[in-house]
Amino acid sequence: MSAVEGWSGRVDLPEDASTRRWHQWVREPEPDAAPGVAVLGFACDEGVRRNHGRTGAAEGPAALRRMLSNLPVLDDAPLYDAGTIACADGDLEGAQLHYAQELASLLDAGHLPVGLGGGHEIAFATWLGLARHLRMRRPRVAIVNIDAHFDLRRQEQGSSGTPFLQAIEDARERGLPLDYLVYGISAASNTRVLFDTADALGVHYVRDDELGLLDLPQRLAELKQKLAQVDAIYLTIDIDGLPHAMAPGVSAPAARGVPMEVVEPLLDAIAATGKLKVMDVAELSPPWDRDNVTARVAARLIHRVTHAAMRAR
């Protein structure tokens, strides 16, 4: 049993460090703690509700912790659990600001924050935290989104369908250069106005039917070229960008999706840059999951990216 609430799992040889799993390694962050990976939950699906999706993503952080618990520790990088921000009484905006504040503090302390969503409204909260951390600088930032949807809707209220339009507009107000890259866009899941908006904003997007194994070398080359031009990267993974068979537990399951054989090399390329500042995983909805398969896939991606990113630091 871990000393941190929400983490538990198998123990092989307690005295053998080479058998450690995440639940044995995770700690609560303390002032002046050595930089490491720091998970931060966002138990909120108010944005999904506002976007007329099926709710359940508020249960995502707890499910992700359970699936992360038994994954192996592959290096000596510290691992912290910074707790969970909940959305009370439908106050999405308040929850986003609270999350952003906590995230900025983790970034200021030198950690690699990993957001555990929650609906994709977590993305605007993550952006606000990153922007606060970067307030004294003007680096060029890339948001890389693995997603079937643009999430560029213009609505009166923020939702899981609006975060990247909100981020782009906020970046302009702050004078922060921001590039938005999306991999996995479904032509069947985005209206024409969303494609028009993406084109008008200069968004770089690749459709799901352009992300097969035969396309991978070209896509990797394009991605590496674009990331070479930025100073900081925010990676966000909407788990509904994966095929339905691998990610049934989401608000909007994909009819096609991007296979893991393509997603993982893209994530490897991002982590290898040494520029990854923050990542999050969104839209895991445990009530709709089957045998925890979606949570397991999401945990695997977090495990893969964090270890690679910490090695590249």
C-alpha atoms as a PDB file:
ATOM      1  CA  MET A   1       0.000   0.000   0.000  1.00  0.00           C
ATOM      2  CA  SER A   2       1.311   3.434  -0.946  1.00  0.00           C
ATOM      3  CA  ALA A   3       1.616   6.226   1.572  1.00  0.00           C
ATOM      4  CA  VAL A   4      -0.331   8.420  -0.882  1.00  0.00           C
ATOM      5  CA  GLU A   5      -4.107   8.039  -1.057  1.00  0.00           C
ATOM      6  CA  GLY A   6      -5.461   6.480  -4.238  1.00  0.00           C
ATOM      7  CA  TRP A   7      -2.361   4.426  -5.028  1.00  0.00           C
ATOM      8  CA  SER A   8      -2.004   0.728  -4.282  1.00  0.00           C
ATOM      9  CA  GLY A   9      -0.826  -2.394  -6.026  1.00  0.00           C
ATOM     10  CA  ARG A  10       1.417  -5.400  -6.143  1.00  0.00           C
ATOM     11  CA  VAL A  11       4.682  -5.594  -4.205  1.00  0.00           C
ATOM     12  CA  ASP A  12       7.218  -8.136  -5.440  1.00  0.00           C
ATOM     13  CA  LEU A  13      10.427  -7.775  -3.415  1.00  0.00           C
ATOM     14  CA  PRO A  14      10.116  -4.809  -1.032  1.00  0.00           C
ATOM     15  CA  GLU A  15      13.879  -4.412  -0.572  1.00  0.00           C
ATOM     16  CA  ASP A  16      14.745  -4.711  -4.276  1.00  0.00           C
ATOM     17  CA  ALA A  17      14.602  -1.294  -5.974  1.00  0.00           C
ATOM     18  CA  SER A  18      14.510  -2.920  -9.412  1.00  0.00           C
ATOM     19  CA  THR A  19      11.030  -4.341  -8.666  1.00  0.00           C
ATOM     20  CA  ARG A  20       9.457  -1.022  -7.697  1.00  0.00           C
ATOM     21  CA  ARG A  21       6.149   0.067  -9.129  1.00  0.00           C
ATOM     22  CA  TRP A  22       4.669   3.540  -9.253  1.00  0.00           C
ATOM     23  CA  HIS A  23       2.525   3.074  -6.146  1.00  0.00           C
ATOM     24  CA  GLN A  24       5.700   2.331  -4.151  1.00  0.00           C
ATOM     25  CA  TRP A  25       7.567   5.336  -5.553  1.00  0.00           C
ATOM     26  CA  VAL A  26       4.974   8.120  -5.531  1.00  0.00           C
ATOM     27  CA  ARG A  27       5.145  10.777  -2.818  1.00  0.00           C
ATOM     28  CA  GLU A  28       3.407  14.022  -1.992  1.00  0.00           C
ATOM     29  CA  PRO A  29       5.425  17.034  -3.184  1.00  0.00           C
ATOM     30  CA  GLU A  30       7.166  19.114  -0.554  1.00  0.00           C
ATOM     31  CA  PRO A  31       8.803  22.550  -0.803  1.00  0.00           C
ATOM     32  CA  ASP A  32      12.227  22.328  -2.443  1.00  0.00           C
ATOM     33  CA  ALA A  33      11.599  18.730  -3.566  1.00  0.00           C
ATOM     34  CA  ALA A  34      13.831  17.551  -6.403  1.00  0.00           C
ATOM     35  CA  PRO A  35      12.246  18.063  -9.839  1.00  0.00           C
ATOM     36  CA  GLY A  36      10.277  15.068 -11.055  1.00  0.00           C
ATOM     37  CA  VAL A  37       7.007  13.940 -12.592  1.00  0.00           C
ATOM     38  CA  ALA A  38       4.003  15.406 -10.757  1.00  0.00           C
ATOM     39  CA  VAL A  39       0.488  14.157 -11.445  1.00  0.00           C
ATOM     40  CA  LEU A  40      -2.394  16.559 -10.871  1.00  0.00           C
ATOM     41  CA  GLY A  41      -6.000  15.445 -11.200  1.00  0.00           C
ATOM     42  CA  PHE A  42      -8.851  17.443 -12.709  1.00  0.00           C
ATOM     43  CA  ALA A  43     -12.081  15.744 -11.639  1.00  0.00           C
ATOM     44  CA  CYS A  44     -14.424  17.628 -13.912  1.00  0.00           C
ATOM     45  CA  ASP A  45     -16.803  16.875 -16.746  1.00  0.00           C
ATOM     46  CA  GLU A  46     -18.873  20.050 -16.562  1.00  0.00           C
ATOM     47  CA  GLY A  47     -17.366  21.006 -19.921  1.00  0.00           C
ATOM     48  CA  VAL A  48     -18.517  17.697 -21.401  1.00  0.00           C
ATOM     49  CA  ARG A  49     -22.030  18.340 -20.072  1.00  0.00           C
ATOM     50  CA  ARG A  50     -22.033  21.835 -21.578  1.00  0.00           C
ATOM     51  CA  ASN A  51     -20.895  20.314 -24.878  1.00  0.00           C
ATOM     52  CA  HIS A  52     -23.817  17.855 -24.764  1.00  0.00           C
ATOM     53  CA  GLY A  53     -21.576  14.812 -24.330  1.00  0.00           C
ATOM     54  CA  ARG A  54     -22.080  11.821 -22.075  1.00  0.00           C
ATOM     55  CA  THR A  55     -20.604  12.542 -18.670  1.00  0.00           C
ATOM     56  CA  GLY A  56     -18.383  10.373 -16.489  1.00  0.00           C
ATOM     57  CA  ALA A  57     -14.940  11.890 -17.067  1.00  0.00           C
ATOM     58  CA  ALA A  58     -14.916  13.367 -13.559  1.00  0.00           C
ATOM     59  CA  GLU A  59     -14.088   9.826 -12.420  1.00  0.00           C
ATOM     60  CA  GLY A  60     -11.037   9.739 -14.693  1.00  0.00           C
ATOM     61  CA  PRO A  61      -8.305  10.823 -12.250  1.00  0.00           C
ATOM     62  CA  ALA A  62      -9.087   8.052  -9.755  1.00  0.00           C
ATOM     63  CA  ALA A  63      -9.202   5.421 -12.505  1.00  0.00           C
ATOM     64  CA  LEU A  64      -5.899   6.617 -13.946  1.00  0.00           C
ATOM     65  CA  ARG A  65      -4.188   6.453 -10.566  1.00  0.00           C
ATOM     66  CA  ARG A  66      -5.373   2.860 -10.167  1.00  0.00           C
ATOM     67  CA  MET A  67      -3.971   1.884 -13.561  1.00  0.00           C
ATOM     68  CA  LEU A  68      -0.719   3.808 -13.079  1.00  0.00           C
ATOM     69  CA  SER A  69      -0.136   2.205  -9.687  1.00  0.00           C
ATOM     70  CA  ASN A  70       1.221  -1.115 -10.946  1.00  0.00           C
ATOM     71  CA  LEU A  71       3.393   0.239 -13.749  1.00  0.00           C
ATOM     72  CA  PRO A  72       7.142  -0.267 -13.262  1.00  0.00           C
ATOM     73  CA  VAL A  73       9.565   2.432 -12.188  1.00  0.00           C
ATOM     74  CA  LEU A  74      12.134   2.570 -14.991  1.00  0.00           C
ATOM     75  CA  ASP A  75      14.466   5.246 -13.629  1.00  0.00           C
ATOM     76  CA  ASP A  76      15.179   7.228 -10.483  1.00  0.00           C
ATOM     77  CA  ALA A  77      13.217  10.362 -11.408  1.00  0.00           C
ATOM     78  CA  PRO A  78      11.018  11.411  -8.468  1.00  0.00           C
ATOM     79  CA  LEU A  79       7.269  10.869  -8.779  1.00  0.00           C
ATOM     80  CA  TYR A  80       4.777  13.084  -6.972  1.00  0.00           C
ATOM     81  CA  ASP A  81       1.013  13.257  -6.565  1.00  0.00           C
ATOM     82  CA  ALA A  82      -0.132  16.864  -6.210  1.00  0.00           C
ATOM     83  CA  GLY A  83      -3.765  15.947  -5.553  1.00  0.00           C
ATOM     84  CA  THR A  84      -6.953  16.596  -7.492  1.00  0.00           C
ATOM     85  CA  ILE A  85      -8.899  19.735  -8.323  1.00  0.00           C
ATOM     86  CA  ALA A  86     -12.648  19.113  -8.400  1.00  0.00           C
ATOM     87  CA  CYS A  87     -15.350  21.119 -10.127  1.00  0.00           C
ATOM     88  CA  ALA A  88     -17.983  22.042  -7.547  1.00  0.00           C
ATOM     89  CA  ASP A  89     -21.539  23.118  -8.408  1.00  0.00           C
ATOM     90  CA  GLY A  90     -20.807  23.418 -12.117  1.00  0.00           C
ATOM     91  CA  ASP A  91     -18.178  26.128 -11.581  1.00  0.00           C
ATOM     92  CA  LEU A  92     -15.927  25.105 -14.459  1.00  0.00           C
ATOM     93  CA  GLU A  93     -14.201  28.474 -14.682  1.00  0.00           C
ATOM     94  CA  GLY A  94     -13.324  28.451 -10.987  1.00  0.00           C
ATOM     95  CA  ALA A  95     -11.978  24.909 -11.222  1.00  0.00           C
ATOM     96  CA  GLN A  96      -9.871  25.840 -14.251  1.00  0.00           C
ATOM     97  CA  LEU A  97      -8.334  28.809 -12.445  1.00  0.00           C
ATOM     98  CA  HIS A  98      -7.592  26.686  -9.362  1.00  0.00           C
ATOM     99  CA  TYR A  99      -6.001  23.981 -11.507  1.00  0.00           C
ATOM    100  CA  ALA A 100      -3.966  26.577 -13.415  1.00  0.00           C
ATOM    101  CA  GLN A 101      -2.614  28.012 -10.180  1.00  0.00           C
ATOM    102  CA  GLU A 102      -1.535  24.593  -8.890  1.00  0.00           C
ATOM    103  CA  LEU A 103      -0.034  23.678 -12.257  1.00  0.00           C
ATOM    104  CA  ALA A 104       1.969  26.898 -12.452  1.00  0.00           C
ATOM    105  CA  SER A 105       3.408  26.199  -9.002  1.00  0.00           C
ATOM    106  CA  LEU A 106       4.529  22.738 -10.130  1.00  0.00           C
ATOM    107  CA  LEU A 107       6.148  24.212 -13.232  1.00  0.00           C
ATOM    108  CA  ASP A 108       7.856  26.906 -11.182  1.00  0.00           C
ATOM    109  CA  ALA A 109       9.302  24.135  -8.981  1.00  0.00           C
ATOM    110  CA  GLY A 110      10.831  22.447 -12.028  1.00  0.00           C
ATOM    111  CA  HIS A 111       8.458  19.482 -12.222  1.00  0.00           C
ATOM    112  CA  LEU A 112       6.939  17.857 -15.307  1.00  0.00           C
ATOM    113  CA  PRO A 113       3.204  18.095 -14.550  1.00  0.00           C
ATOM    114  CA  VAL A 114       0.894  15.384 -15.860  1.00  0.00           C
ATOM    115  CA  GLY A 115      -2.779  16.306 -15.831  1.00  0.00           C
ATOM    116  CA  LEU A 116      -5.242  13.502 -15.199  1.00  0.00           C
ATOM    117  CA  GLY A 117      -8.595  14.469 -16.701  1.00  0.00           C
ATOM    118  CA  GLY A 118     -11.405  15.002 -16.687  1.00  0.00           C
ATOM    119  CA  GLY A 119     -13.005  16.318 -19.829  1.00  0.00           C
ATOM    120  CA  HIS A 120     -10.942  18.159 -22.417  1.00  0.00           C
ATOM    121  CA  GLU A 121     -11.823  21.405 -20.691  1.00  0.00           C
ATOM    122  CA  ILE A 122      -8.662  20.538 -18.749  1.00  0.00           C
ATOM    123  CA  ALA A 123      -6.741  21.887 -21.752  1.00  0.00           C
ATOM    124  CA  PHE A 124      -7.636  25.527 -21.202  1.00  0.00           C
ATOM    125  CA  ALA A 125      -6.764  25.148 -17.520  1.00  0.00           C
ATOM    126  CA  THR A 126      -3.405  23.653 -18.476  1.00  0.00           C
ATOM    127  CA  TRP A 127      -2.780  26.477 -20.915  1.00  0.00           C
ATOM    128  CA  LEU A 128      -3.561  29.094 -18.265  1.00  0.00           C
ATOM    129  CA  GLY A 129      -1.108  27.452 -15.865  1.00  0.00           C
ATOM    130  CA  LEU A 130       1.611  27.213 -18.493  1.00  0.00           C
ATOM    131  CA  ALA A 131       1.060  30.830 -19.564  1.00  0.00           C
ATOM    132  CA  ARG A 132       1.314  31.970 -15.957  1.00  0.00           C
ATOM    133  CA  HIS A 133       4.593  30.071 -15.594  1.00  0.00           C
ATOM    134  CA  LEU A 134       5.934  31.684 -18.779  1.00  0.00           C
ATOM    135  CA  ARG A 135       4.711  35.193 -17.917  1.00  0.00           C
ATOM    136  CA  MET A 136       8.195  36.703 -17.655  1.00  0.00           C
ATOM    137  CA  ARG A 137       9.345  35.141 -20.926  1.00  0.00           C
ATOM    138  CA  ARG A 138       8.108  35.064 -24.501  1.00  0.00           C
ATOM    139  CA  PRO A 139       8.968  31.579 -25.770  1.00  0.00           C
ATOM    140  CA  ARG A 140       7.260  30.086 -28.785  1.00  0.00           C
ATOM    141  CA  VAL A 141       4.908  27.363 -27.545  1.00  0.00           C
ATOM    142  CA  ALA A 142       3.401  24.440 -29.423  1.00  0.00           C
ATOM    143  CA  ILE A 143       0.262  22.696 -28.269  1.00  0.00           C
ATOM    144  CA  VAL A 144       0.264  19.195 -29.749  1.00  0.00           C
ATOM    145  CA  ASN A 145      -3.137  17.541 -29.501  1.00  0.00           C
ATOM    146  CA  ILE A 146      -3.892  13.893 -30.266  1.00  0.00           C
ATOM    147  CA  ASP A 147      -7.613  14.136 -30.918  1.00  0.00           C
ATOM    148  CA  ALA A 148     -10.456  13.343 -33.288  1.00  0.00           C
ATOM    149  CA  HIS A 149     -11.840  16.845 -32.716  1.00  0.00           C
ATOM    150  CA  PHE A 150     -10.506  20.381 -33.199  1.00  0.00           C
ATOM    151  CA  ASP A 151     -12.154  21.698 -30.000  1.00  0.00           C
ATOM    152  CA  LEU A 152     -12.262  25.157 -31.582  1.00  0.00           C
ATOM    153  CA  ARG A 153     -15.953  25.871 -31.042  1.00  0.00           C
ATOM    154  CA  ARG A 154     -17.070  29.411 -30.350  1.00  0.00           C
ATOM    155  CA  GLN A 155     -19.642  29.275 -27.567  1.00  0.00           C
ATOM    156  CA  GLU A 156     -20.933  31.642 -24.908  1.00  0.00           C
ATOM    157  CA  GLN A 157     -19.562  29.369 -22.184  1.00  0.00           C
ATOM    158  CA  GLY A 158     -16.347  27.403 -22.158  1.00  0.00           C
ATOM    159  CA  SER A 159     -16.732  23.654 -22.587  1.00  0.00           C
ATOM    160  CA  SER A 160     -14.828  20.565 -23.671  1.00  0.00           C
ATOM    161  CA  GLY A 161     -15.343  21.787 -27.241  1.00  0.00           C
ATOM    162  CA  THR A 162     -13.770  25.243 -26.822  1.00  0.00           C
ATOM    163  CA  PRO A 163     -10.376  25.002 -25.050  1.00  0.00           C
ATOM    164  CA  PHE A 164      -8.021  25.548 -27.948  1.00  0.00           C
ATOM    165  CA  LEU A 165      -9.854  28.557 -29.350  1.00  0.00           C
ATOM    166  CA  GLN A 166      -9.756  29.936 -25.809  1.00  0.00           C
ATOM    167  CA  ALA A 167      -6.027  29.210 -25.575  1.00  0.00           C
ATOM    168  CA  ILE A 168      -5.248  30.787 -28.949  1.00  0.00           C
ATOM    169  CA  GLU A 169      -7.193  33.938 -28.087  1.00  0.00           C
ATOM    170  CA  ASP A 170      -5.607  34.112 -24.629  1.00  0.00           C
ATOM    171  CA  ALA A 171      -2.130  33.709 -26.132  1.00  0.00           C
ATOM    172  CA  ARG A 172      -2.774  36.603 -28.500  1.00  0.00           C
ATOM    173  CA  GLU A 173      -3.827  38.821 -25.614  1.00  0.00           C
ATOM    174  CA  ARG A 174      -0.648  37.918 -23.741  1.00  0.00           C
ATOM    175  CA  GLY A 175       1.594  38.332 -26.779  1.00  0.00           C
ATOM    176  CA  LEU A 176       2.729  34.708 -26.544  1.00  0.00           C
ATOM    177  CA  PRO A 177       3.530  33.007 -29.872  1.00  0.00           C
ATOM    178  CA  LEU A 178       1.468  29.808 -30.021  1.00  0.00           C
ATOM    179  CA  ASP A 179       1.289  27.035 -32.615  1.00  0.00           C
ATOM    180  CA  TYR A 180      -1.564  24.516 -32.499  1.00  0.00           C
ATOM    181  CA  LEU A 181      -1.012  21.075 -34.027  1.00  0.00           C
ATOM    182  CA  VAL A 182      -3.701  18.368 -34.082  1.00  0.00           C
ATOM    183  CA  TYR A 183      -3.195  14.733 -35.066  1.00  0.00           C
ATOM    184  CA  GLY A 184      -6.186  12.468 -35.659  1.00  0.00           C
ATOM    185  CA  ILE A 185      -8.897  14.810 -36.917  1.00  0.00           C
ATOM    186  CA  SER A 186     -12.006  12.961 -38.063  1.00  0.00           C
ATOM    187  CA  ALA A 187     -13.719  14.442 -41.110  1.00  0.00           C
ATOM    188  CA  ALA A 188     -16.924  12.802 -39.875  1.00  0.00           C
ATOM    189  CA  SER A 189     -16.768  14.442 -36.445  1.00  0.00           C
ATOM    190  CA  ASN A 190     -16.066  18.100 -37.256  1.00  0.00           C
ATOM    191  CA  THR A 191     -18.394  20.492 -39.063  1.00  0.00           C
ATOM    192  CA  ARG A 192     -17.256  22.676 -41.938  1.00  0.00           C
ATOM    193  CA  VAL A 193     -17.115  25.756 -39.720  1.00  0.00           C
ATOM    194  CA  LEU A 194     -14.523  24.016 -37.532  1.00  0.00           C
ATOM    195  CA  PHE A 195     -12.326  23.259 -40.546  1.00  0.00           C
ATOM    196  CA  ASP A 196     -12.775  26.875 -41.682  1.00  0.00           C
ATOM    197  CA  THR A 197     -11.834  28.112 -38.208  1.00  0.00           C
ATOM    198  CA  ALA A 198      -8.762  25.883 -38.130  1.00  0.00           C
ATOM    199  CA  ASP A 199      -7.656  27.140 -41.536  1.00  0.00           C
ATOM    200  CA  ALA A 200      -8.227  30.780 -40.576  1.00  0.00           C
ATOM    201  CA  LEU A 201      -6.160  30.327 -37.400  1.00  0.00           C
ATOM    202  CA  GLY A 202      -3.302  28.572 -39.185  1.00  0.00           C
ATOM    203  CA  VAL A 203      -3.796  25.298 -37.316  1.00  0.00           C
ATOM    204  CA  HIS A 204      -1.671  22.392 -38.523  1.00  0.00           C
ATOM    205  CA  TYR A 205      -3.874  19.310 -38.596  1.00  0.00           C
ATOM    206  CA  VAL A 206      -3.606  15.769 -39.895  1.00  0.00           C
ATOM    207  CA  ARG A 207      -6.702  13.643 -40.427  1.00  0.00           C
ATOM    208  CA  ASP A 208      -7.063  10.173 -38.974  1.00  0.00           C
ATOM    209  CA  ASP A 209      -7.074   8.653 -42.479  1.00  0.00           C
ATOM    210  CA  GLU A 210      -3.666  10.260 -43.080  1.00  0.00           C
ATOM    211  CA  LEU A 211      -2.121   8.589 -40.047  1.00  0.00           C
ATOM    212  CA  GLY A 212      -1.543   4.998 -41.060  1.00  0.00           C
ATOM    213  CA  LEU A 213       1.725   3.122 -40.686  1.00  0.00           C
ATOM    214  CA  LEU A 214       2.696   3.925 -44.280  1.00  0.00           C
ATOM    215  CA  ASP A 215       2.202   7.638 -43.546  1.00  0.00           C
ATOM    216  CA  LEU A 216       4.288   7.558 -40.375  1.00  0.00           C
ATOM    217  CA  PRO A 217       7.746   8.476 -41.762  1.00  0.00           C
ATOM    218  CA  GLN A 218       6.364  11.591 -43.443  1.00  0.00           C
ATOM    219  CA  ARG A 219       4.324  12.591 -40.388  1.00  0.00           C
ATOM    220  CA  LEU A 220       7.289  12.153 -38.067  1.00  0.00           C
ATOM    221  CA  ALA A 221       9.490  14.272 -40.318  1.00  0.00           C
ATOM    222  CA  GLU A 222       6.848  17.030 -40.419  1.00  0.00           C
ATOM    223  CA  LEU A 223       6.363  16.932 -36.662  1.00  0.00           C
ATOM    224  CA  LYS A 224      10.077  17.089 -35.907  1.00  0.00           C
ATOM    225  CA  GLN A 225      10.490  20.023 -38.282  1.00  0.00           C
ATOM    226  CA  LYS A 226       7.696  21.962 -36.595  1.00  0.00           C
ATOM    227  CA  LEU A 227       8.892  21.200 -33.072  1.00  0.00           C
ATOM    228  CA  ALA A 228      12.397  22.352 -33.967  1.00  0.00           C
ATOM    229  CA  GLN A 229      10.930  25.844 -34.375  1.00  0.00           C
ATOM    230  CA  VAL A 230       9.428  26.120 -30.864  1.00  0.00           C
ATOM    231  CA  ASP A 231      10.838  26.512 -27.373  1.00  0.00           C
ATOM    232  CA  ALA A 232       8.222  24.739 -25.255  1.00  0.00           C
ATOM    233  CA  ILE A 233       5.650  21.997 -25.856  1.00  0.00           C
ATOM    234  CA  TYR A 234       2.333  21.220 -24.220  1.00  0.00           C
ATOM    235  CA  LEU A 235       1.127  17.720 -25.128  1.00  0.00           C
ATOM    236  CA  THR A 236      -2.528  16.868 -24.665  1.00  0.00           C
ATOM    237  CA  ILE A 237      -4.001  13.462 -25.444  1.00  0.00           C
ATOM    238  CA  ASP A 238      -7.737  13.164 -25.898  1.00  0.00           C
ATOM    239  CA  ILE A 239      -8.131   9.448 -25.505  1.00  0.00           C
ATOM    240  CA  ASP A 240     -11.082   9.470 -27.936  1.00  0.00           C
ATOM    241  CA  GLY A 241      -8.527   9.993 -30.689  1.00  0.00           C
ATOM    242  CA  LEU A 242      -7.679   6.289 -30.442  1.00  0.00           C
ATOM    243  CA  PRO A 243      -9.733   3.515 -32.099  1.00  0.00           C
ATOM    244  CA  HIS A 244     -12.935   2.548 -30.304  1.00  0.00           C
ATOM    245  CA  ALA A 245     -11.623  -0.961 -29.629  1.00  0.00           C
ATOM    246  CA  MET A 246      -8.791   0.527 -27.559  1.00  0.00           C
ATOM    247  CA  ALA A 247     -10.748   3.431 -26.091  1.00  0.00           C
ATOM    248  CA  PRO A 248     -14.415   2.586 -25.553  1.00  0.00           C
ATOM    249  CA  GLY A 249     -14.538   4.461 -22.257  1.00  0.00           C
ATOM    250  CA  VAL A 250     -14.880   7.997 -23.587  1.00  0.00           C
ATOM    251  CA  SER A 251     -17.629  10.531 -24.170  1.00  0.00           C
ATOM    252  CA  ALA A 252     -17.433  10.255 -27.974  1.00  0.00           C
ATOM    253  CA  PRO A 253     -15.897   6.952 -29.188  1.00  0.00           C
ATOM    254  CA  ALA A 254     -14.025   7.125 -32.484  1.00  0.00           C
ATOM    255  CA  ALA A 255     -15.305   5.291 -35.545  1.00  0.00           C
ATOM    256  CA  ARG A 256     -11.729   5.071 -36.841  1.00  0.00           C
ATOM    257  CA  GLY A 257      -9.111   6.692 -34.616  1.00  0.00           C
ATOM    258  CA  VAL A 258      -5.317   6.647 -34.785  1.00  0.00           C
ATOM    259  CA  PRO A 259      -3.664   3.300 -33.966  1.00  0.00           C
ATOM    260  CA  MET A 260      -1.184   2.969 -31.120  1.00  0.00           C
ATOM    261  CA  GLU A 261       1.480   1.926 -33.638  1.00  0.00           C
ATOM    262  CA  VAL A 262       1.331   5.496 -34.947  1.00  0.00           C
ATOM    263  CA  VAL A 263       0.501   7.399 -31.769  1.00  0.00           C
ATOM    264  CA  GLU A 264       3.432   6.046 -29.767  1.00  0.00           C
ATOM    265  CA  PRO A 265       6.163   7.069 -32.259  1.00  0.00           C
ATOM    266  CA  LEU A 266       4.630  10.553 -32.425  1.00  0.00           C
ATOM    267  CA  LEU A 267       4.744  10.783 -28.636  1.00  0.00           C
ATOM    268  CA  ASP A 268       8.318   9.474 -28.606  1.00  0.00           C
ATOM    269  CA  ALA A 269       9.349  12.245 -30.995  1.00  0.00           C
ATOM    270  CA  ILE A 270       7.738  14.882 -28.772  1.00  0.00           C
ATOM    271  CA  ALA A 271       9.373  13.564 -25.609  1.00  0.00           C
ATOM    272  CA  ALA A 272      12.789  13.281 -27.262  1.00  0.00           C
ATOM    273  CA  THR A 273      12.938  17.019 -27.975  1.00  0.00           C
ATOM    274  CA  GLY A 274      13.578  17.806 -24.312  1.00  0.00           C
ATOM    275  CA  LYS A 275      11.068  20.665 -24.691  1.00  0.00           C
ATOM    276  CA  LEU A 276       8.013  19.037 -23.126  1.00  0.00           C
ATOM    277  CA  LYS A 277       6.827  21.280 -20.295  1.00  0.00           C
ATOM    278  CA  VAL A 278       3.479  19.714 -19.449  1.00  0.00           C
ATOM    279  CA  MET A 279       1.098  17.001 -20.626  1.00  0.00           C
ATOM    280  CA  ASP A 280      -2.400  15.852 -19.851  1.00  0.00           C
ATOM    281  CA  VAL A 281      -4.786  13.062 -20.755  1.00  0.00           C
ATOM    282  CA  ALA A 282      -8.447  13.894 -21.244  1.00  0.00           C
ATOM    283  CA  GLU A 283     -11.867  12.342 -21.754  1.00  0.00           C
ATOM    284  CA  LEU A 284     -11.346   9.006 -19.993  1.00  0.00           C
ATOM    285  CA  SER A 285     -14.860   8.193 -18.783  1.00  0.00           C
ATOM    286  CA  PRO A 286     -14.726   5.127 -16.491  1.00  0.00           C
ATOM    287  CA  PRO A 287     -18.509   4.465 -16.416  1.00  0.00           C
ATOM    288  CA  TRP A 288     -18.304   3.739 -20.144  1.00  0.00           C
ATOM    289  CA  ASP A 289     -15.066   1.732 -20.024  1.00  0.00           C
ATOM    290  CA  ARG A 290     -14.805  -2.029 -20.564  1.00  0.00           C
ATOM    291  CA  ASP A 291     -12.430  -4.080 -18.393  1.00  0.00           C
ATOM    292  CA  ASN A 292     -10.521  -0.828 -17.709  1.00  0.00           C
ATOM    293  CA  VAL A 293      -9.032  -1.082 -21.196  1.00  0.00           C
ATOM    294  CA  THR A 294      -9.239   2.672 -21.872  1.00  0.00           C
ATOM    295  CA  ALA A 295      -7.699   3.532 -18.519  1.00  0.00           C
ATOM    296  CA  ARG A 296      -4.913   1.012 -19.132  1.00  0.00           C
ATOM    297  CA  VAL A 297      -4.147   2.491 -22.539  1.00  0.00           C
ATOM    298  CA  ALA A 298      -4.084   6.021 -21.117  1.00  0.00           C
ATOM    299  CA  ALA A 299      -1.802   4.922 -18.275  1.00  0.00           C
ATOM    300  CA  ARG A 300       0.547   3.241 -20.742  1.00  0.00           C
ATOM    301  CA  LEU A 301       0.859   6.459 -22.738  1.00  0.00           C
ATOM    302  CA  ILE A 302       1.550   8.506 -19.602  1.00  0.00           C
ATOM    303  CA  HIS A 303       4.164   5.975 -18.492  1.00  0.00           C
ATOM    304  CA  ARG A 304       5.860   6.009 -21.895  1.00  0.00           C
ATOM    305  CA  VAL A 305       5.939   9.782 -22.307  1.00  0.00           C
ATOM    306  CA  THR A 306       7.046  10.659 -18.783  1.00  0.00           C
ATOM    307  CA  HIS A 307       9.978   8.265 -18.718  1.00  0.00           C
ATOM    308  CA  ALA A 308      11.153   9.406 -22.159  1.00  0.00           C
ATOM    309  CA  ALA A 309      10.689  13.090 -21.327  1.00  0.00           C
ATOM    310  CA  MET A 310      12.608  12.853 -18.055  1.00  0.00           C
ATOM    311  CA  ARG A 311      15.480  11.107 -19.849  1.00  0.00           C
ATOM    312  CA  ALA A 312      15.568  13.915 -22.417  1.00  0.00           C
ATOM    313  CA  ARG A 313      15.755  16.698 -19.819  1.00  0.00           C
END
